[in-house]
PDB file of N, CA and C in Angstrom:
ATOM      1  N   UNK A   1      19.703  26.901  11.445  1.00  0.00           N
ATOM      2  CA  UNK A   1      18.644  27.398  10.743  1.00  0.00           C
ATOM      3  C   UNK A   1      17.673  26.219  10.304  1.00  0.00           C
ATOM      4  N   UNK A   2      16.463  26.655  10.222  1.00  0.00           N
ATOM      5  CA  UNK A   2      15.180  25.918  10.094  1.00  0.00           C
ATOM      6  C   UNK A   2      14.806  25.906   8.370  1.00  0.00           C
ATOM      7  N   UNK A   3      14.534  24.604   8.126  1.00  0.00           N
ATOM      8  CA  UNK A   3      14.487  24.411   6.696  1.00  0.00           C
ATOM      9  C   UNK A   3      13.038  25.188   6.326  1.00  0.00           C
ATOM     10  N   UNK A   4      13.443  26.086   5.236  1.00  0.00           N
ATOM     11  CA  UNK A   4      12.078  26.912   4.869  1.00  0.00           C
ATOM     12  C   UNK A   4      11.164  26.110   4.383  1.00  0.00           C
ATOM     13  N   UNK A   5      11.148  24.839   3.442  1.00  0.00           N
ATOM     14  CA  UNK A   5       9.865  24.330   3.196  1.00  0.00           C
ATOM     15  C   UNK A   5       9.143  23.617   4.346  1.00  0.00           C
ATOM     16  N   UNK A   6       9.906  23.266   5.610  1.00  0.00           N
ATOM     17  CA  UNK A   6       9.078  22.507   6.443  1.00  0.00           C
ATOM     18  C   UNK A   6       8.530  23.689   7.571  1.00  0.00           C
ATOM     19  N   UNK A   7       8.905  25.115   7.515  1.00  0.00           N
ATOM     20  CA  UNK A   7       8.634  26.021   8.597  1.00  0.00           C
ATOM     21  C   UNK A   7       7.109  26.417   8.751  1.00  0.00           C
ATOM     22  N   UNK A   8       6.660  25.955   7.822  1.00  0.00           N
ATOM     23  CA  UNK A   8       5.051  26.375   7.890  1.00  0.00           C
ATOM     24  C   UNK A   8       4.058  25.249   8.478  1.00  0.00           C
ATOM     25  N   UNK A   9       4.767  24.162   8.668  1.00  0.00           N
ATOM     26  CA  UNK A   9       3.882  22.872   9.012  1.00  0.00           C
ATOM     27  C   UNK A   9       4.454  22.724  10.534  1.00  0.00           C
ATOM     28  N   UNK A  10       3.397  22.222  11.471  1.00  0.00           N
ATOM     29  CA  UNK A  10       3.851  21.732  12.642  1.00  0.00           C
ATOM     30  C   UNK A  10       4.375  20.356  12.492  1.00  0.00           C
ATOM     31  N   UNK A  11       5.503  20.045  13.415  1.00  0.00           N
ATOM     32  CA  UNK A  11       6.242  18.808  13.148  1.00  0.00           C
ATOM     33  C   UNK A  11       5.418  17.759  14.781  1.00  0.00           C
ATOM     34  N   UNK A  12       5.436  16.689  14.158  1.00  0.00           N
ATOM     35  CA  UNK A  12       4.793  15.796  15.331  1.00  0.00           C
ATOM     36  C   UNK A  12       5.668  15.273  16.449  1.00  0.00           C
ATOM     37  N   UNK A  13       5.095  14.887  17.413  1.00  0.00           N
ATOM     38  CA  UNK A  13       5.906  14.463  18.712  1.00  0.00           C
ATOM     39  C   UNK A  13       5.620  12.967  18.999  1.00  0.00           C
ATOM     40  N   UNK A  14       6.061  12.795  20.027  1.00  0.00           N
ATOM     41  CA  UNK A  14       5.705  11.150  20.574  1.00  0.00           C
ATOM     42  C   UNK A  14       4.348  11.258  21.095  1.00  0.00           C
ATOM     43  N   UNK A  15       3.490  10.159  20.704  1.00  0.00           N
ATOM     44  CA  UNK A  15       2.219  10.023  21.020  1.00  0.00           C
ATOM     45  C   UNK A  15       1.253  10.949  20.422  1.00  0.00           C
ATOM     46  N   UNK A  16       1.537  11.849  19.200  1.00  0.00           N
ATOM     47  CA  UNK A  16       0.803  12.463  18.599  1.00  0.00           C
ATOM     48  C   UNK A  16      -0.105  11.680  17.717  1.00  0.00           C
ATOM     49  N   UNK A  17      -1.105  12.281  17.339  1.00  0.00           N
ATOM     50  CA  UNK A  17      -2.094  11.807  16.311  1.00  0.00           C
ATOM     51  C   UNK A  17      -2.084  12.387  15.181  1.00  0.00           C
ATOM     52  N   UNK A  18      -1.610  11.929  13.816  1.00  0.00           N
ATOM     53  CA  UNK A  18      -1.388  12.621  12.695  1.00  0.00           C
ATOM     54  C   UNK A  18      -2.479  12.103  11.767  1.00  0.00           C
ATOM     55  N   UNK A  19      -2.786  12.884  10.908  1.00  0.00           N
ATOM     56  CA  UNK A  19      -3.558  12.559   9.534  1.00  0.00           C
ATOM     57  C   UNK A  19      -2.698  12.752   8.175  1.00  0.00           C
ATOM     58  N   UNK A  20      -2.687  11.576   7.579  1.00  0.00           N
ATOM     59  CA  UNK A  20      -1.687  11.291   6.438  1.00  0.00           C
ATOM     60  C   UNK A  20      -2.435  12.100   5.543  1.00  0.00           C
ATOM     61  N   UNK A  21      -1.644  13.100   4.644  1.00  0.00           N
ATOM     62  CA  UNK A  21      -2.217  13.717   3.755  1.00  0.00           C
ATOM     63  C   UNK A  21      -1.427  13.473   2.508  1.00  0.00           C
ATOM     64  N   UNK A  22      -0.719  12.537   2.557  1.00  0.00           N
ATOM     65  CA  UNK A  22      -0.055  11.924   1.144  1.00  0.00           C
ATOM     66  C   UNK A  22      -0.915  11.055   0.215  1.00  0.00           C
ATOM     67  N   UNK A  23      -0.551  10.859  -0.898  1.00  0.00           N
ATOM     68  CA  UNK A  23      -1.418   9.903  -1.950  1.00  0.00           C
ATOM     69  C   UNK A  23      -1.659   8.491  -1.386  1.00  0.00           C
ATOM     70  N   UNK A  24      -0.793   8.122  -0.241  1.00  0.00           N
ATOM     71  CA  UNK A  24      -1.071   6.738   0.335  1.00  0.00           C
ATOM     72  C   UNK A  24      -2.498   6.747   1.049  1.00  0.00           C
ATOM     73  N   UNK A  25      -3.001   7.763   1.352  1.00  0.00           N
ATOM     74  CA  UNK A  25      -4.362   7.927   2.220  1.00  0.00           C
ATOM     75  C   UNK A  25      -4.514   6.931   3.116  1.00  0.00           C
ATOM     76  N   UNK A  26      -3.354   6.830   4.142  1.00  0.00           N
ATOM     77  CA  UNK A  26      -3.524   5.821   5.302  1.00  0.00           C
ATOM     78  C   UNK A  26      -4.678   6.228   6.561  1.00  0.00           C
ATOM     79  N   UNK A  27      -5.166   7.421   6.500  1.00  0.00           N
ATOM     80  CA  UNK A  27      -5.980   7.775   7.526  1.00  0.00           C
ATOM     81  C   UNK A  27      -5.155   8.325   8.822  1.00  0.00           C
ATOM     82  N   UNK A  28      -5.731   8.105   9.673  1.00  0.00           N
ATOM     83  CA  UNK A  28      -5.249   8.747  11.204  1.00  0.00           C
ATOM     84  C   UNK A  28      -4.384   7.732  11.801  1.00  0.00           C
ATOM     85  N   UNK A  29      -3.280   7.952  12.124  1.00  0.00           N
ATOM     86  CA  UNK A  29      -2.033   7.549  13.024  1.00  0.00           C
ATOM     87  C   UNK A  29      -1.571   8.059  14.290  1.00  0.00           C
ATOM     88  N   UNK A  30      -1.069   7.128  14.939  1.00  0.00           N
ATOM     89  CA  UNK A  30      -0.452   7.312  16.319  1.00  0.00           C
ATOM     90  C   UNK A  30       1.034   7.207  16.266  1.00  0.00           C
ATOM     91  N   UNK A  31       1.800   8.463  16.358  1.00  0.00           N
ATOM     92  CA  UNK A  31       3.387   8.319  16.572  1.00  0.00           C
ATOM     93  C   UNK A  31       3.907   7.287  17.584  1.00  0.00           C
ATOM     94  N   UNK A  32       4.466   6.398  17.615  1.00  0.00           N
ATOM     95  CA  UNK A  32       4.812   5.516  18.494  1.00  0.00           C
ATOM     96  C   UNK A  32       6.224   5.766  18.999  1.00  0.00           C
ATOM     97  N   UNK A  33       7.436   5.948  17.862  1.00  0.00           N
ATOM     98  CA  UNK A  33       8.577   6.415  18.486  1.00  0.00           C
ATOM     99  C   UNK A  33       9.144   7.169  17.325  1.00  0.00           C
ATOM    100  N   UNK A  34      10.013   8.170  17.912  1.00  0.00           N
ATOM    101  CA  UNK A  34      10.760   9.143  16.752  1.00  0.00           C
ATOM    102  C   UNK A  34      12.200   8.733  16.975  1.00  0.00           C
ATOM    103  N   UNK A  35      12.988   8.242  15.957  1.00  0.00           N
ATOM    104  CA  UNK A  35      14.527   8.316  15.629  1.00  0.00           C
ATOM    105  C   UNK A  35      15.032   9.493  15.502  1.00  0.00           C
ATOM    106  N   UNK A  36      15.707  10.047  16.269  1.00  0.00           N
ATOM    107  CA  UNK A  36      16.569  11.368  15.682  1.00  0.00           C
ATOM    108  C   UNK A  36      17.770  10.931  15.348  1.00  0.00           C
ATOM    109  N   UNK A  37      18.109  10.174  15.239  1.00  0.00           N
ATOM    110  CA  UNK A  37      19.227   9.813  14.235  1.00  0.00           C
ATOM    111  C   UNK A  37      19.139   9.575  12.811  1.00  0.00           C
ATOM    112  N   UNK A  38      17.680   8.828  12.569  1.00  0.00           N
ATOM    113  CA  UNK A  38      17.322   8.842  11.212  1.00  0.00           C
ATOM    114  C   UNK A  38      16.781   9.510  10.456  1.00  0.00           C
ATOM    115  N   UNK A  39      16.102  10.467  11.474  1.00  0.00           N
ATOM    116  CA  UNK A  39      14.834  11.433  11.419  1.00  0.00           C
ATOM    117  C   UNK A  39      13.493  10.874  10.698  1.00  0.00           C
ATOM    118  N   UNK A  40      13.316   9.822  11.488  1.00  0.00           N
ATOM    119  CA  UNK A  40      12.146   9.074  10.799  1.00  0.00           C
ATOM    120  C   UNK A  40      11.036   8.995  12.436  1.00  0.00           C
ATOM    121  N   UNK A  41      10.022   8.510  11.991  1.00  0.00           N
ATOM    122  CA  UNK A  41       9.220   8.637  13.068  1.00  0.00           C
ATOM    123  C   UNK A  41       8.335   7.062  12.799  1.00  0.00           C
ATOM    124  N   UNK A  42       8.018   6.191  13.604  1.00  0.00           N
ATOM    125  CA  UNK A  42       7.275   5.164  13.548  1.00  0.00           C
ATOM    126  C   UNK A  42       5.588   5.389  14.039  1.00  0.00           C
ATOM    127  N   UNK A  43       4.749   5.043  12.990  1.00  0.00           N
ATOM    128  CA  UNK A  43       3.584   5.544  12.970  1.00  0.00           C
ATOM    129  C   UNK A  43       2.702   4.224  13.058  1.00  0.00           C
ATOM    130  N   UNK A  44       1.769   3.956  14.124  1.00  0.00           N
ATOM    131  CA  UNK A  44       0.876   3.110  13.944  1.00  0.00           C
ATOM    132  C   UNK A  44      -0.592   3.368  13.397  1.00  0.00           C
ATOM    133  N   UNK A  45      -1.192   2.688  12.377  1.00  0.00           N
ATOM    134  CA  UNK A  45      -2.364   2.970  11.655  1.00  0.00           C
ATOM    135  C   UNK A  45      -3.444   1.910  11.947  1.00  0.00           C
ATOM    136  N   UNK A  46      -4.449   2.350  12.874  1.00  0.00           N
ATOM    137  CA  UNK A  46      -5.297   1.637  13.475  1.00  0.00           C
ATOM    138  C   UNK A  46      -6.250   1.355  12.297  1.00  0.00           C
ATOM    139  N   UNK A  47      -6.436   1.811  10.988  1.00  0.00           N
ATOM    140  CA  UNK A  47      -7.316   1.438  10.238  1.00  0.00           C
ATOM    141  C   UNK A  47      -6.847   0.008   9.484  1.00  0.00           C
ATOM    142  N   UNK A  48      -5.521   0.081   9.322  1.00  0.00           N
ATOM    143  CA  UNK A  48      -5.168  -1.273   8.669  1.00  0.00           C
ATOM    144  C   UNK A  48      -4.424  -2.052   9.831  1.00  0.00           C
ATOM    145  N   UNK A  49      -4.077  -1.639  10.862  1.00  0.00           N
ATOM    146  CA  UNK A  49      -3.566  -2.388  11.914  1.00  0.00           C
ATOM    147  C   UNK A  49      -1.917  -2.491  11.893  1.00  0.00           C
ATOM    148  N   UNK A  50      -1.520  -1.441  10.775  1.00  0.00           N
ATOM    149  CA  UNK A  50       0.077  -1.733  10.251  1.00  0.00           C
ATOM    150  C   UNK A  50       0.666  -0.546  10.964  1.00  0.00           C
ATOM    151  N   UNK A  51       1.814  -0.884  10.911  1.00  0.00           N
ATOM    152  CA  UNK A  51       3.203   0.171  11.270  1.00  0.00           C
ATOM    153  C   UNK A  51       3.878   0.537  10.117  1.00  0.00           C
ATOM    154  N   UNK A  52       4.436   1.860  10.204  1.00  0.00           N
ATOM    155  CA  UNK A  52       5.093   2.157   9.027  1.00  0.00           C
ATOM    156  C   UNK A  52       5.981   3.449   9.409  1.00  0.00           C
ATOM    157  N   UNK A  53       7.182   3.644   8.727  1.00  0.00           N
ATOM    158  CA  UNK A  53       8.080   4.749   9.168  1.00  0.00           C
ATOM    159  C   UNK A  53       7.890   5.805   8.192  1.00  0.00           C
ATOM    160  N   UNK A  54       7.876   6.903   8.688  1.00  0.00           N
ATOM    161  CA  UNK A  54       7.599   8.223   7.912  1.00  0.00           C
ATOM    162  C   UNK A  54       8.632   9.428   8.073  1.00  0.00           C
ATOM    163  N   UNK A  55       8.757  10.441   7.787  1.00  0.00           N
ATOM    164  CA  UNK A  55       9.748  11.541   7.798  1.00  0.00           C
ATOM    165  C   UNK A  55       9.252  12.050   8.702  1.00  0.00           C
ATOM    166  N   UNK A  56       9.930  12.738   9.778  1.00  0.00           N
ATOM    167  CA  UNK A  56       9.586  13.410  11.083  1.00  0.00           C
ATOM    168  C   UNK A  56       9.232  14.955  10.381  1.00  0.00           C
ATOM    169  N   UNK A  57      10.443  15.300   9.550  1.00  0.00           N
ATOM    170  CA  UNK A  57      10.039  16.845   9.188  1.00  0.00           C
ATOM    171  C   UNK A  57       8.779  16.841   8.116  1.00  0.00           C
ATOM    172  N   UNK A  58       8.112  17.854   8.536  1.00  0.00           N
ATOM    173  CA  UNK A  58       6.778  17.897   7.951  1.00  0.00           C
ATOM    174  C   UNK A  58       6.790  18.674   6.511  1.00  0.00           C
ATOM    175  N   UNK A  59       6.567  18.205   5.395  1.00  0.00           N
ATOM    176  CA  UNK A  59       6.367  18.754   4.224  1.00  0.00           C
ATOM    177  C   UNK A  59       5.230  18.854   3.442  1.00  0.00           C
ATOM    178  N   UNK A  60       4.434  18.675   4.565  1.00  0.00           N
ATOM    179  CA  UNK A  60       2.791  18.878   3.991  1.00  0.00           C
ATOM    180  C   UNK A  60       2.135  17.427   3.678  1.00  0.00           C
ATOM    181  N   UNK A  61       3.067  16.309   4.129  1.00  0.00           N
ATOM    182  CA  UNK A  61       2.715  15.198   4.094  1.00  0.00           C
ATOM    183  C   UNK A  61       1.656  14.419   5.261  1.00  0.00           C
ATOM    184  N   UNK A  62       1.581  15.143   6.195  1.00  0.00           N
ATOM    185  CA  UNK A  62       0.745  14.770   7.348  1.00  0.00           C
ATOM    186  C   UNK A  62       0.377  16.162   8.250  1.00  0.00           C
ATOM    187  N   UNK A  63      -0.686  15.933   8.879  1.00  0.00           N
ATOM    188  CA  UNK A  63      -1.079  17.004   9.637  1.00  0.00           C
ATOM    189  C   UNK A  63      -1.108  16.610  11.330  1.00  0.00           C
ATOM    190  N   UNK A  64      -1.099  17.278  12.110  1.00  0.00           N
ATOM    191  CA  UNK A  64      -1.055  16.825  13.513  1.00  0.00           C
ATOM    192  C   UNK A  64      -2.472  17.219  13.942  1.00  0.00           C
ATOM    193  N   UNK A  65      -2.845  16.168  14.607  1.00  0.00           N
ATOM    194  CA  UNK A  65      -4.576  16.376  15.002  1.00  0.00           C
ATOM    195  C   UNK A  65      -4.187  16.974  16.647  1.00  0.00           C
TER     196      UNK A  65
END
């Protein structure tokens, strides 16, 4: 059964570009890896040059470009 809170948002896949819609305003990032065990994805942010982990299941905190 799909989570009703994430059903309306598309989920990012490997090598997708995403736009951060959270309060952190990190800009646009590239999904570098996805860990299915922890349900997290590693995203590289070109604006800052940093990498961070985000939750794969989209609750409206990112938009797939």
